[in-house]
Protein backbone atom coordinates (compact mmCIF):
# COMPACT_ATOMS: atom_id res chain seq x y z
CA MET A 1 15.07 240.43 83.37
CA LYS A 2 18.41 241.89 84.41
CA PHE A 3 21.73 242.19 82.59
CA ARG A 4 24.92 244.24 82.36
CA VAL A 5 26.57 245.26 79.12
CA GLU A 6 29.27 247.69 77.99
CA ARG A 7 27.91 251.12 76.98
CA ASP A 8 29.49 251.14 73.48
CA VAL A 9 28.27 247.62 72.77
CA LEU A 10 24.70 248.49 73.75
CA ALA A 11 24.67 251.81 71.91
CA ASP A 12 26.02 250.29 68.72
CA ALA A 13 23.60 247.36 68.79
CA VAL A 14 20.51 249.46 69.57
CA THR A 15 21.36 252.06 66.94
CA TRP A 16 21.92 249.40 64.28
CA THR A 17 18.78 247.45 65.14
CA ALA A 18 16.53 250.50 65.45
CA ARG A 19 17.61 252.03 62.16
CA THR A 20 14.79 250.22 60.28
CA LEU A 21 12.00 251.35 62.59
CA PRO A 22 9.12 253.00 60.69
CA SER A 23 8.61 256.72 61.30
CA ARG A 24 4.83 256.18 61.36
CA PRO A 25 4.23 252.65 62.54
CA PRO A 26 0.75 251.22 61.87
CA SER A 27 0.83 249.73 65.36
CA PRO A 28 2.58 251.25 68.43
CA VAL A 29 4.46 248.02 69.19
CA LEU A 30 6.21 248.23 65.80
CA ALA A 31 8.10 251.28 67.10
CA GLY A 32 9.71 249.11 69.72
CA VAL A 33 12.92 247.14 69.94
CA ARG A 34 12.71 243.75 71.64
CA LEU A 35 15.42 242.82 74.13
CA GLU A 36 15.88 239.11 74.89
CA ALA A 37 18.44 238.09 77.50
CA ASP A 38 19.45 234.52 78.22
CA GLY A 39 22.52 232.47 79.06
CA THR A 40 24.10 233.14 75.65
CA GLY A 41 23.88 236.95 75.86
CA LEU A 42 21.56 239.68 74.62
CA VAL A 43 19.58 239.72 71.37
CA LEU A 44 17.93 242.91 70.07
CA SER A 45 15.37 242.74 67.26
CA THR A 46 12.93 244.86 65.25
CA PHE A 47 10.32 243.95 62.64
CA ASP A 48 7.71 245.95 60.69
CA TYR A 49 6.30 243.04 58.64
CA GLU A 50 8.58 244.00 55.74
CA VAL A 51 12.11 244.35 57.13
CA SER A 52 13.54 242.69 60.21
CA ALA A 53 16.83 243.32 62.03
CA ARG A 54 18.49 241.21 64.69
CA SER A 55 21.71 241.83 66.58
CA ALA A 56 23.34 239.51 69.11
CA VAL A 57 25.90 240.88 71.64
CA VAL A 58 27.79 239.67 74.69
CA ALA A 59 26.16 240.56 77.99
CA ASP A 60 26.34 239.40 81.61
CA VAL A 61 22.80 238.09 82.15
CA GLU A 62 21.68 237.79 85.77
CA VAL A 63 17.96 237.21 85.18
CA PRO A 64 16.80 235.99 81.74
CA GLY A 65 13.74 237.49 80.10
CA SER A 66 12.40 239.66 77.32
CA VAL A 67 10.97 243.15 77.09
CA LEU A 68 9.79 245.63 74.45
CA VAL A 69 10.67 249.33 74.70
CA SER A 70 10.72 252.36 72.40
CA GLY A 71 13.55 251.74 69.97
CA ARG A 72 14.40 255.33 69.08
CA LEU A 73 14.28 256.49 72.71
CA LEU A 74 16.55 253.65 73.85
CA ALA A 75 18.95 254.46 71.01
CA GLU A 76 19.14 258.12 72.03
CA ILE A 77 19.61 257.24 75.68
CA SER A 78 22.30 254.62 75.07
CA LYS A 79 24.35 257.01 72.95
CA ALA A 80 24.13 259.72 75.63
CA LEU A 81 25.24 257.51 78.55
CA PRO A 82 28.71 257.93 80.14
CA ASN A 83 31.38 255.44 79.09
CA LYS A 84 30.70 252.92 81.85
CA PRO A 85 28.96 249.54 82.10
CA VAL A 86 25.18 249.70 81.76
CA GLU A 87 22.77 247.75 83.95
CA VAL A 88 19.29 247.12 82.53
CA SER A 89 16.53 245.61 84.63
CA VAL A 90 12.74 245.22 84.49
CA GLU A 91 10.75 246.60 87.37
CA GLY A 92 7.06 245.89 86.86
CA ASN A 93 5.96 247.64 83.66
CA ARG A 94 9.09 249.77 83.50
CA VAL A 95 12.68 249.23 82.36
CA SER A 96 15.45 250.75 84.43
CA VAL A 97 18.69 251.78 82.66
CA VAL A 98 21.51 252.65 85.07
CA CYS A 99 24.99 253.79 83.98
CA GLY A 100 27.27 255.41 86.53
CA SER A 101 25.29 258.24 88.09
CA SER A 102 22.78 258.29 85.21
CA ARG A 103 19.44 256.56 85.61
CA PHE A 104 16.56 256.35 83.10
CA THR A 105 13.18 254.67 83.38
CA LEU A 106 11.28 253.62 80.26
CA LEU A 107 7.75 252.32 79.91
CA THR A 108 7.43 248.85 78.46
CA MET A 109 5.14 247.84 75.62
CA PRO A 110 3.24 244.51 75.48
CA VAL A 111 5.89 242.12 74.18
CA GLU A 112 3.24 239.45 73.59
CA ASP A 113 1.72 241.67 70.86
CA TYR A 114 5.00 241.89 68.99
CA PRO A 115 5.10 239.91 65.71
CA THR A 116 7.36 236.89 65.35
CA LEU A 117 10.43 237.57 63.27
CA PRO A 118 10.70 235.60 60.02
CA GLU A 119 13.03 232.64 59.95
CA LEU A 120 16.20 233.07 57.94
CA PRO A 121 16.26 230.75 54.88
CA ASP A 122 19.15 228.33 54.47
CA VAL A 123 22.35 230.15 53.51
CA THR A 124 22.75 230.19 49.74
CA GLY A 125 26.35 231.42 49.76
CA SER A 126 28.75 234.07 51.03
CA ILE A 127 30.54 237.07 49.56
CA ALA A 128 33.25 239.51 50.61
CA GLY A 129 31.56 242.53 52.21
CA ASP A 130 33.70 245.23 50.56
CA SER A 131 33.28 243.77 47.07
CA PHE A 132 29.56 243.33 47.56
CA ALA A 133 29.17 246.93 48.78
CA GLN A 134 31.02 248.25 45.75
CA ALA A 135 28.85 246.21 43.37
CA ILE A 136 25.67 247.39 45.11
CA SER A 137 26.66 251.05 44.81
CA GLN A 138 27.32 250.61 41.09
CA VAL A 139 23.89 249.11 40.43
CA THR A 140 21.44 250.73 42.86
CA MET A 141 22.08 254.25 41.52
CA ALA A 142 20.20 253.19 38.36
CA ALA A 143 17.16 251.83 40.23
CA GLY A 144 13.90 253.75 40.03
CA ARG A 145 12.73 256.08 42.80
CA ASP A 146 9.08 256.24 41.77
CA GLU A 147 7.05 254.13 44.22
CA THR A 148 4.15 254.02 41.72
CA LEU A 149 6.40 251.71 39.69
CA PRO A 150 7.51 249.31 42.45
CA LEU A 151 9.13 246.80 40.08
CA LEU A 152 11.71 249.41 39.01
CA THR A 153 12.61 250.25 42.62
CA GLY A 154 14.05 246.76 42.88
CA VAL A 155 17.31 245.16 41.76
CA ARG A 156 17.16 241.87 39.92
CA VAL A 157 19.58 239.46 41.56
CA GLU A 158 20.58 236.42 39.49
CA ILE A 159 22.62 233.59 41.01
CA ASP A 160 24.15 230.96 38.77
CA GLY A 161 26.82 228.87 40.44
CA ASP A 162 29.67 231.12 41.51
CA ALA A 163 28.38 234.11 39.50
CA LEU A 164 26.11 236.69 41.11
CA THR A 165 24.64 239.32 38.77
CA MET A 166 22.64 242.42 39.68
CA LEU A 167 20.63 244.59 37.28
CA ALA A 168 18.65 247.80 37.83
CA THR A 169 16.91 250.33 35.58
CA ASP A 170 14.71 253.39 35.87
CA ARG A 171 13.84 253.30 32.11
CA TYR A 172 16.50 255.89 31.25
CA ARG A 173 19.60 253.91 32.12
CA LEU A 174 20.46 250.33 32.98
CA ALA A 175 23.27 249.12 35.24
CA MET A 176 24.55 245.57 35.38
CA ARG A 177 27.31 244.18 37.56
CA GLN A 178 28.57 240.63 37.78
CA ILE A 179 30.64 239.48 40.74
CA THR A 180 32.13 236.18 41.84
CA TRP A 181 30.96 234.74 45.15
CA SER A 182 31.11 231.47 47.12
CA PRO A 183 27.89 229.46 46.71
CA ALA A 184 26.85 226.85 49.28
CA ALA A 185 26.30 224.41 46.37
CA PRO A 186 28.14 224.61 43.01
CA SER A 187 24.92 224.25 40.97
CA VAL A 188 22.83 226.74 42.94
CA SER A 189 20.48 228.88 40.83
CA ARG A 190 18.25 231.68 42.14
CA VAL A 191 16.48 234.76 40.79
CA ALA A 192 15.00 237.42 43.06
CA LEU A 193 13.86 241.05 42.90
CA VAL A 194 15.32 242.82 45.95
CA ARG A 195 14.48 246.36 47.01
CA ALA A 196 17.32 248.71 46.12
CA ARG A 197 17.09 250.35 49.53
CA THR A 198 17.53 246.94 51.22
CA LEU A 199 20.75 246.33 49.31
CA SER A 200 22.00 249.86 50.03
CA ASP A 201 21.33 249.29 53.71
CA VAL A 202 23.30 246.03 53.61
CA ALA A 203 26.22 247.79 51.91
CA ARG A 204 26.18 250.56 54.49
CA ASN A 205 25.73 248.46 57.64
CA LEU A 206 27.18 245.00 57.04
CA SER A 207 30.05 245.40 54.59
CA ASN A 208 32.64 246.10 57.33
CA ALA A 209 32.02 242.72 58.96
CA GLY A 210 34.10 240.80 56.43
CA SER A 211 32.11 238.03 54.80
CA ILE A 212 28.33 238.35 54.32
CA ASP A 213 26.08 235.28 54.20
CA ILE A 214 23.16 235.58 51.78
CA ALA A 215 20.07 233.44 52.35
CA LEU A 216 17.56 233.07 49.53
CA ALA A 217 15.18 230.14 49.29
CA ASP A 218 14.13 228.83 45.91
CA GLY A 219 10.69 230.32 45.31
CA GLY A 220 10.69 232.10 48.68
CA ASP A 221 9.43 235.62 49.40
CA ILE A 222 12.23 236.94 51.64
CA ILE A 223 16.00 237.42 51.41
CA GLY A 224 18.32 237.46 54.38
CA PHE A 225 21.81 238.82 55.04
CA GLU A 226 23.99 237.97 58.05
CA ALA A 227 27.43 239.10 59.17
CA GLY A 228 29.23 239.73 62.43
CA GLY A 229 26.35 238.66 64.66
CA ARG A 230 23.87 240.85 62.82
CA ARG A 231 21.04 239.67 60.63
CA THR A 232 18.50 241.44 58.45
CA THR A 233 15.70 240.13 56.26
CA SER A 234 13.45 241.82 53.75
CA LEU A 235 10.42 240.88 51.68
CA LEU A 236 11.14 240.58 48.00
CA VAL A 237 9.44 242.78 45.42
CA ASP A 238 6.55 240.90 43.87
CA GLY A 239 6.28 240.82 40.09
CA GLU A 240 8.10 239.94 36.89
CA TYR A 241 11.05 242.19 36.07
CA PRO A 242 11.24 243.32 32.44
CA PRO A 243 13.78 241.43 30.25
CA VAL A 244 16.34 244.22 30.37
CA ARG A 245 19.41 242.12 29.51
CA ARG A 246 18.43 242.09 25.85
CA LEU A 247 18.83 245.89 25.74
CA PHE A 248 22.59 245.46 25.63
CA PRO A 249 23.56 245.21 21.93
CA ASP A 250 25.32 242.03 20.77
CA GLN A 251 27.86 244.13 18.86
CA THR A 252 28.65 247.79 18.30
CA THR A 253 30.09 249.61 15.30
CA THR A 254 31.82 252.52 17.05
CA HIS A 255 33.61 252.92 20.33
CA THR A 256 35.63 255.61 22.06
CA ILE A 257 38.20 255.51 24.86
CA THR A 258 38.66 258.51 27.17
CA SER A 259 40.31 259.20 30.50
CA THR A 260 37.63 258.61 33.16
CA HIS A 261 38.88 261.31 35.52
CA GLU A 262 39.24 263.92 32.79
CA LEU A 263 35.78 263.17 31.39
CA VAL A 264 34.20 263.38 34.86
CA GLU A 265 35.81 266.74 35.61
CA ALA A 266 34.96 268.16 32.17
CA ALA A 267 31.35 266.96 32.41
CA LYS A 268 30.99 268.58 35.85
CA ARG A 269 32.27 271.90 34.52
CA VAL A 270 30.22 271.92 31.34
CA SER A 271 27.04 270.86 33.19
CA LEU A 272 27.16 274.07 35.22
CA VAL A 273 25.37 275.86 32.37
CA ALA A 274 22.97 272.97 31.64
CA GLU A 275 19.53 273.87 32.95
CA ARG A 276 17.32 271.25 34.54
CA ASN A 277 16.55 268.38 32.16
CA THR A 278 18.83 269.76 29.44
CA PRO A 279 21.65 267.53 28.15
CA ILE A 280 25.39 267.63 27.60
CA ARG A 281 26.40 267.02 24.00
CA LEU A 282 29.44 264.87 23.22
CA SER A 283 30.92 265.01 19.72
CA PHE A 284 33.61 262.38 19.06
CA SER A 285 36.00 262.76 16.17
CA GLU A 286 39.54 261.54 15.46
CA GLY A 287 41.67 262.15 18.56
CA GLN A 288 39.20 264.20 20.57
CA VAL A 289 35.79 264.63 22.14
CA VAL A 290 34.03 268.01 22.41
CA LEU A 291 31.64 268.53 25.33
CA ASP A 292 29.20 271.42 25.16
CA ALA A 293 26.03 272.55 26.87
CA GLY A 294 23.77 275.57 26.75
CA GLN A 295 22.36 277.16 23.63
CA GLY A 296 20.77 280.31 22.16
CA ASP A 297 20.89 283.29 24.51
CA ASP A 298 21.62 281.12 27.57
CA ALA A 299 25.02 280.57 29.15
CA GLN A 300 27.15 278.13 27.19
CA ALA A 301 30.22 276.01 27.89
CA THR A 302 32.58 273.96 25.71
CA GLU A 303 35.54 271.77 26.54
CA VAL A 304 37.82 269.58 24.42
CA LEU A 305 39.45 266.38 25.66
CA GLU A 306 41.82 263.88 24.10
CA SER A 307 39.93 260.70 23.11
CA THR A 308 40.46 257.68 20.89
CA LEU A 309 37.80 256.94 18.27
CA VAL A 310 37.34 253.61 16.51
CA GLY A 311 34.73 253.82 13.78
CA GLU A 312 32.78 256.74 12.34
CA GLU A 313 32.52 260.17 13.96
CA ILE A 314 29.51 260.40 16.23
CA SER A 315 27.60 263.04 18.22
CA THR A 316 25.17 262.28 21.02
CA ALA A 317 23.75 263.91 24.15
CA PHE A 318 23.06 262.65 27.67
CA ASN A 319 21.43 263.74 30.89
CA PRO A 320 24.39 265.25 32.80
CA GLN A 321 23.65 263.52 36.11
CA TYR A 322 23.04 260.12 34.54
CA LEU A 323 26.33 260.45 32.62
CA LEU A 324 28.22 261.39 35.80
CA ASP A 325 26.57 258.56 37.78
CA GLY A 326 27.88 256.03 35.28
CA LEU A 327 31.36 257.54 35.13
CA SER A 328 31.61 257.75 38.93
CA ALA A 329 30.70 254.08 39.23
CA LEU A 330 33.79 253.06 37.23
CA ASN A 331 36.96 252.05 39.02
CA THR A 332 39.19 252.18 35.96
CA ASP A 333 41.48 254.81 34.48
CA PHE A 334 39.65 254.84 31.15
CA VAL A 335 36.05 254.63 30.04
CA ARG A 336 34.89 252.94 26.87
CA LEU A 337 31.68 254.20 25.23
CA SER A 338 30.26 251.87 22.59
CA PHE A 339 27.63 252.95 20.05
CA THR A 340 25.43 251.44 17.39
CA HIS A 341 23.74 254.74 16.41
CA PRO A 342 23.66 258.30 17.84
CA SER A 343 19.97 257.96 18.74
CA LYS A 344 20.31 254.52 20.35
CA PRO A 345 21.60 253.70 23.84
CA ALA A 346 25.35 253.80 24.47
CA VAL A 347 27.12 251.18 26.55
CA MET A 348 29.66 252.36 29.11
CA THR A 349 32.34 250.00 30.47
CA GLY A 350 35.60 250.48 32.28
CA GLN A 351 39.02 249.92 30.79
CA ASP A 352 42.42 249.77 32.46
CA ASP A 353 44.49 251.09 29.56
CA ALA A 354 44.11 253.48 26.64
CA ASP A 355 44.78 251.14 23.75
CA GLY A 356 41.73 248.96 24.24
CA THR A 357 43.52 245.72 25.08
CA ASP A 358 42.62 245.42 28.77
CA HIS A 359 38.88 245.49 29.41
CA ALA A 360 37.08 245.47 32.73
CA GLU A 361 33.54 244.44 31.78
CA GLU A 362 32.13 243.23 35.10
CA PHE A 363 30.21 246.52 35.23
CA ARG A 364 28.12 247.67 32.26
CA TYR A 365 26.04 250.83 32.10
CA LEU A 366 23.58 251.48 29.30
CA LEU A 367 22.53 255.11 28.87
CA MET A 368 19.69 256.48 26.75
CA PRO A 369 20.59 259.53 24.65
CA ILE A 370 18.58 262.77 24.74
CA ARG A 371 17.66 264.74 21.66
CA PHE A 372 19.73 267.92 21.65
CA GLY A 373 17.60 270.96 20.73
CA ALA A 374 18.56 273.06 17.76
């Protein structure tokens, strides 16, 4: 095998493909990146039986072939090379990497022992990368981090025609975001439980490519994403996700409207005196909300903001970080908090104006209150 490729193209492709390599692979070959060169160019791929990555780039191929080398080492070398064309060739059981006056030799691994990458399912539809990335960031922050509860580390993805909905919960909060996309068939319907880290990786590494194709077979066990010549697949989380949609109340008796930015800044200041696992209290009355934290002989903080109240006065308390996560996920000037009871979950949505006439309900965030100590 022998080919030439631009340094930046190689470095970018190797770095992207090798990002999913396991730190402690169960088999040495799983630490490798496979290079396949043919008349169409160069394809780099990795696979650890759970996540696969594949990147296709333009290269001048002189001798077709395939080889397996250490992915992380090749990534470090390619980034350190001078800004000149790179020539890669196989010499026996070694790979030669020449760039200008720099020359590296890498040992090969048995490419015949490398697992076959999973086939990408038929494309289910496509979505704008920037919009998808924003929706992912709003939802994945509510996913669980405890690997002993694998179901909650996933995001439930529901596809119904041109509506794509994502839900995630860690038992203390629930995030839901609906977004419009372009399905391959108008009546397409799919439900899948996707690892939150898989979606975060897609948002981070594919969203700049414009449109992202999503491939999800009906009843299949993998999901695939493809954009800009790059493709990644991941096994789905196995199991039945809890029926979390029903946690959102059908109607609420009280709601408040507050400036999102002012509430974020006030919550950050007041939370400075909140010790670990202690809440911020919010007391809503006519025209204002009072935030306070700290009690007894500890440091205390209080701040008053202008706020609109519809319904009865209400006091509740939230985990400061969970509150800030929800507020930071909003992209609206105002936040609407809806309540049924001080001890029951509150629903947070965005709002574009202060009088309650212009809602932005594509994103909903349900937050469990915390009992505030006496």
